[in-house]
């Protein structure tokens, strides 16, 4: 929704897409000023390989976290969840 709203209302904002959906793919392009897309490799709501191809084509940084799904979390493992958050934040530098 953020990409669609940004385009529709010409909002000058830099975006970070956290666990996008397949419906988001058409909005991932260089004109949308997307700094990072983060997704889990087991996310069932997006074709991760297609996402990587779109990001590569558009020059958008894509971080794929291994071993997690759409919620980008590991239940009952706070340390792993903190690692996931850290991994995403590190990509922003």
N, C-alpha and C. Protein backbone atom coordinates (compact mmCIF):
# COMPACT_ATOMS: atom_id res chain seq x y z
N UNK A 1 0.82 -1.18 0.00
CA UNK A 1 0.00 0.00 0.00
C UNK A 1 0.87 1.25 0.00
N UNK A 2 1.98 1.21 0.70
CA UNK A 2 2.84 2.39 0.78
C UNK A 2 3.30 2.83 -0.61
N UNK A 3 3.69 1.89 -1.44
CA UNK A 3 4.13 2.22 -2.80
C UNK A 3 3.00 2.82 -3.62
N UNK A 4 1.84 2.24 -3.52
CA UNK A 4 0.69 2.72 -4.28
C UNK A 4 0.31 4.14 -3.83
N UNK A 5 0.28 4.38 -2.54
CA UNK A 5 -0.05 5.71 -2.02
C UNK A 5 1.01 6.72 -2.42
N UNK A 6 2.27 6.32 -2.34
CA UNK A 6 3.37 7.21 -2.73
C UNK A 6 3.23 7.64 -4.19
N UNK A 7 2.93 6.69 -5.07
CA UNK A 7 2.76 7.00 -6.49
C UNK A 7 1.52 7.87 -6.74
N UNK A 8 0.42 7.50 -6.12
CA UNK A 8 -0.85 8.19 -6.38
C UNK A 8 -0.80 9.65 -5.93
N UNK A 9 -0.20 9.90 -4.76
CA UNK A 9 -0.21 11.25 -4.21
C UNK A 9 1.13 11.97 -4.34
N UNK A 10 2.06 11.36 -5.08
CA UNK A 10 3.38 11.97 -5.34
C UNK A 10 4.07 12.40 -4.04
N UNK A 11 4.12 11.48 -3.10
CA UNK A 11 4.73 11.75 -1.80
C UNK A 11 6.23 11.54 -1.90
N UNK A 12 7.03 12.55 -1.55
CA UNK A 12 8.48 12.42 -1.63
C UNK A 12 9.03 11.69 -0.39
N UNK A 13 9.05 10.37 -0.46
CA UNK A 13 9.50 9.57 0.68
C UNK A 13 10.38 8.42 0.19
N UNK A 14 11.32 8.03 1.02
CA UNK A 14 12.12 6.84 0.77
C UNK A 14 11.45 5.69 1.50
N UNK A 15 11.33 4.55 0.83
CA UNK A 15 10.59 3.42 1.40
C UNK A 15 11.50 2.26 1.78
N UNK A 16 11.09 1.55 2.80
CA UNK A 16 11.66 0.26 3.18
C UNK A 16 10.48 -0.70 3.17
N UNK A 17 10.56 -1.73 2.33
CA UNK A 17 9.47 -2.69 2.23
C UNK A 17 9.83 -3.93 3.04
N UNK A 18 9.06 -4.19 4.07
CA UNK A 18 9.28 -5.31 4.96
C UNK A 18 8.20 -6.34 4.69
N UNK A 19 8.58 -7.50 4.20
CA UNK A 19 7.69 -8.60 3.84
C UNK A 19 6.59 -8.18 2.86
N UNK A 20 6.97 -7.73 1.67
CA UNK A 20 5.96 -7.36 0.68
C UNK A 20 5.20 -8.58 0.17
N UNK A 21 4.13 -8.31 -0.55
CA UNK A 21 3.30 -9.35 -1.16
C UNK A 21 3.56 -9.39 -2.66
N UNK A 22 3.10 -10.45 -3.32
CA UNK A 22 3.23 -10.53 -4.78
C UNK A 22 2.63 -9.30 -5.47
N UNK A 23 1.55 -8.77 -4.90
CA UNK A 23 0.89 -7.60 -5.48
C UNK A 23 1.77 -6.35 -5.44
N UNK A 24 2.82 -6.39 -4.65
CA UNK A 24 3.74 -5.26 -4.52
C UNK A 24 4.73 -5.20 -5.67
N UNK A 25 4.99 -6.31 -6.32
CA UNK A 25 6.05 -6.39 -7.33
C UNK A 25 6.00 -5.29 -8.39
N UNK A 26 4.83 -4.93 -8.95
CA UNK A 26 4.82 -3.88 -9.96
C UNK A 26 5.26 -2.51 -9.45
N UNK A 27 5.23 -2.32 -8.14
CA UNK A 27 5.59 -1.03 -7.55
C UNK A 27 7.07 -0.95 -7.17
N UNK A 28 7.77 -2.06 -7.30
CA UNK A 28 9.19 -2.06 -6.95
C UNK A 28 9.97 -1.64 -8.19
N UNK A 29 10.28 -0.36 -8.22
CA UNK A 29 11.08 0.20 -9.31
C UNK A 29 11.85 1.41 -8.79
N UNK A 30 12.86 1.78 -9.54
CA UNK A 30 13.78 2.83 -9.10
C UNK A 30 13.09 4.16 -8.85
N UNK A 31 12.03 4.47 -9.55
CA UNK A 31 11.34 5.75 -9.36
C UNK A 31 10.63 5.85 -8.02
N UNK A 32 10.38 4.72 -7.37
CA UNK A 32 9.70 4.74 -6.07
C UNK A 32 10.66 4.96 -4.90
N UNK A 33 11.94 5.13 -5.17
CA UNK A 33 12.93 5.43 -4.12
C UNK A 33 12.82 4.43 -2.96
N UNK A 34 13.00 3.17 -3.28
CA UNK A 34 12.96 2.11 -2.27
C UNK A 34 14.38 1.81 -1.84
N UNK A 35 14.65 2.01 -0.56
CA UNK A 35 16.00 1.80 -0.04
C UNK A 35 16.29 0.32 0.18
N UNK A 36 15.30 -0.43 0.62
CA UNK A 36 15.52 -1.84 0.96
C UNK A 36 14.21 -2.60 0.91
N UNK A 37 14.30 -3.85 0.45
CA UNK A 37 13.19 -4.80 0.53
C UNK A 37 13.70 -5.97 1.37
N UNK A 38 12.96 -6.33 2.42
CA UNK A 38 13.36 -7.44 3.29
C UNK A 38 12.26 -8.49 3.30
N UNK A 39 12.68 -9.75 3.17
CA UNK A 39 11.72 -10.85 3.07
C UNK A 39 12.37 -12.12 3.62
N UNK A 40 11.54 -13.05 4.09
CA UNK A 40 12.04 -14.35 4.52
C UNK A 40 12.04 -15.33 3.36
N UNK A 41 13.01 -16.22 3.33
CA UNK A 41 13.10 -17.17 2.21
C UNK A 41 11.96 -18.18 2.19
N UNK A 42 11.22 -18.30 3.28
CA UNK A 42 10.09 -19.23 3.34
C UNK A 42 8.74 -18.50 3.32
N UNK A 43 8.74 -17.25 2.88
CA UNK A 43 7.52 -16.45 2.82
C UNK A 43 6.59 -17.04 1.76
N UNK A 44 5.39 -17.41 2.17
CA UNK A 44 4.44 -18.03 1.24
C UNK A 44 3.56 -17.03 0.53
N UNK A 45 3.73 -15.74 0.84
CA UNK A 45 2.90 -14.70 0.23
C UNK A 45 3.60 -13.96 -0.91
N UNK A 46 4.83 -14.37 -1.23
CA UNK A 46 5.54 -13.75 -2.32
C UNK A 46 6.47 -14.77 -2.97
N UNK A 47 6.65 -14.63 -4.25
CA UNK A 47 7.61 -15.46 -4.98
C UNK A 47 8.98 -14.81 -4.78
N UNK A 48 9.75 -15.35 -3.85
CA UNK A 48 11.03 -14.74 -3.46
C UNK A 48 12.00 -14.66 -4.65
N UNK A 49 12.02 -15.66 -5.49
CA UNK A 49 12.91 -15.62 -6.66
C UNK A 49 12.52 -14.49 -7.62
N UNK A 50 11.22 -14.32 -7.82
CA UNK A 50 10.74 -13.23 -8.68
C UNK A 50 11.07 -11.89 -8.03
N UNK A 51 10.90 -11.78 -6.74
CA UNK A 51 11.23 -10.55 -6.02
C UNK A 51 12.70 -10.19 -6.23
N UNK A 52 13.58 -11.18 -6.09
CA UNK A 52 15.01 -10.92 -6.28
C UNK A 52 15.30 -10.44 -7.70
N UNK A 53 14.64 -11.05 -8.69
CA UNK A 53 14.83 -10.64 -10.08
C UNK A 53 14.38 -9.20 -10.30
N UNK A 54 13.22 -8.86 -9.77
CA UNK A 54 12.70 -7.49 -9.91
C UNK A 54 13.64 -6.50 -9.24
N UNK A 55 14.08 -6.82 -8.04
CA UNK A 55 14.99 -5.92 -7.32
C UNK A 55 16.31 -5.76 -8.08
N UNK A 56 16.85 -6.85 -8.59
CA UNK A 56 18.09 -6.76 -9.37
C UNK A 56 17.90 -5.87 -10.60
N UNK A 57 16.81 -6.09 -11.31
CA UNK A 57 16.53 -5.32 -12.53
C UNK A 57 16.39 -3.83 -12.23
N UNK A 58 15.77 -3.50 -11.10
CA UNK A 58 15.49 -2.10 -10.76
C UNK A 58 16.57 -1.46 -9.88
N UNK A 59 17.58 -2.23 -9.52
CA UNK A 59 18.65 -1.68 -8.69
C UNK A 59 18.22 -1.40 -7.26
N UNK A 60 17.31 -2.22 -6.75
CA UNK A 60 16.80 -2.07 -5.38
C UNK A 60 17.44 -3.15 -4.51
N UNK A 61 17.97 -2.74 -3.38
CA UNK A 61 18.60 -3.68 -2.45
C UNK A 61 17.56 -4.63 -1.88
N UNK A 62 17.83 -5.93 -1.97
CA UNK A 62 16.92 -6.96 -1.47
C UNK A 62 17.65 -7.84 -0.45
N UNK A 63 17.09 -7.92 0.74
CA UNK A 63 17.65 -8.80 1.77
C UNK A 63 16.70 -9.97 1.98
N UNK A 64 17.22 -11.18 1.80
CA UNK A 64 16.43 -12.39 2.03
C UNK A 64 16.99 -13.06 3.28
N UNK A 65 16.17 -13.08 4.32
CA UNK A 65 16.55 -13.71 5.59
C UNK A 65 16.26 -15.20 5.49
N UNK A 66 17.23 -16.01 5.82
CA UNK A 66 17.12 -17.46 5.70
C UNK A 66 16.35 -18.06 6.87
N UNK A 67 15.48 -19.02 6.56
CA UNK A 67 14.82 -19.82 7.58
C UNK A 67 13.58 -19.22 8.21
N UNK A 68 13.06 -18.13 7.63
CA UNK A 68 11.87 -17.51 8.20
C UNK A 68 10.82 -17.26 7.12
N UNK A 69 9.58 -17.14 7.57
CA UNK A 69 8.47 -16.90 6.66
C UNK A 69 8.06 -15.44 6.64
N UNK A 70 6.78 -15.21 6.37
CA UNK A 70 6.27 -13.86 6.16
C UNK A 70 6.41 -12.98 7.40
N UNK A 71 6.30 -13.55 8.57
CA UNK A 71 6.38 -12.75 9.79
C UNK A 71 7.82 -12.43 10.19
N UNK A 72 8.78 -13.00 9.49
CA UNK A 72 10.21 -12.76 9.76
C UNK A 72 10.54 -12.96 11.24
N UNK A 73 10.04 -14.05 11.80
CA UNK A 73 10.32 -14.34 13.20
C UNK A 73 10.44 -15.84 13.43
N UNK A 74 11.09 -16.17 14.52
CA UNK A 74 11.20 -17.55 14.96
C UNK A 74 10.52 -17.60 16.33
N UNK A 75 9.43 -18.34 16.40
CA UNK A 75 8.68 -18.41 17.65
C UNK A 75 9.54 -18.95 18.79
N UNK A 76 9.43 -18.34 19.94
CA UNK A 76 10.11 -18.76 21.17
C UNK A 76 11.63 -18.65 21.09
N UNK A 77 12.16 -17.78 20.22
CA UNK A 77 13.61 -17.61 20.12
C UNK A 77 13.94 -16.12 19.98
N UNK A 78 13.95 -15.44 21.11
CA UNK A 78 14.18 -14.00 21.12
C UNK A 78 15.52 -13.63 20.51
N UNK A 79 16.56 -14.41 20.81
CA UNK A 79 17.89 -14.11 20.26
C UNK A 79 17.89 -14.16 18.74
N UNK A 80 17.25 -15.16 18.16
CA UNK A 80 17.17 -15.27 16.70
C UNK A 80 16.38 -14.09 16.12
N UNK A 81 15.31 -13.71 16.79
CA UNK A 81 14.51 -12.58 16.32
C UNK A 81 15.31 -11.28 16.36
N UNK A 82 16.11 -11.10 17.38
CA UNK A 82 16.98 -9.91 17.46
C UNK A 82 18.03 -9.96 16.35
N UNK A 83 18.54 -11.15 16.04
CA UNK A 83 19.49 -11.30 14.93
C UNK A 83 18.84 -10.92 13.60
N UNK A 84 17.60 -11.32 13.40
CA UNK A 84 16.89 -11.00 12.17
C UNK A 84 16.75 -9.49 12.03
N UNK A 85 16.31 -8.84 13.09
CA UNK A 85 16.17 -7.38 13.07
C UNK A 85 17.51 -6.73 12.79
N UNK A 86 18.55 -7.22 13.44
CA UNK A 86 19.90 -6.68 13.23
C UNK A 86 20.35 -6.84 11.79
N UNK A 87 20.09 -8.01 11.21
CA UNK A 87 20.46 -8.27 9.82
C UNK A 87 19.80 -7.29 8.86
N UNK A 88 18.54 -6.97 9.10
CA UNK A 88 17.82 -6.03 8.24
C UNK A 88 18.39 -4.63 8.42
N UNK A 89 18.59 -4.21 9.65
CA UNK A 89 19.09 -2.86 9.94
C UNK A 89 20.47 -2.67 9.35
N UNK A 90 21.33 -3.68 9.41
CA UNK A 90 22.68 -3.58 8.85
C UNK A 90 22.65 -3.26 7.37
N UNK A 91 21.63 -3.73 6.66
CA UNK A 91 21.54 -3.48 5.22
C UNK A 91 21.24 -2.03 4.89
N UNK A 92 20.79 -1.28 5.89
CA UNK A 92 20.42 0.12 5.67
C UNK A 92 21.63 1.07 5.64
N UNK A 93 22.78 0.57 6.05
CA UNK A 93 23.97 1.45 6.07
C UNK A 93 24.55 1.66 4.72
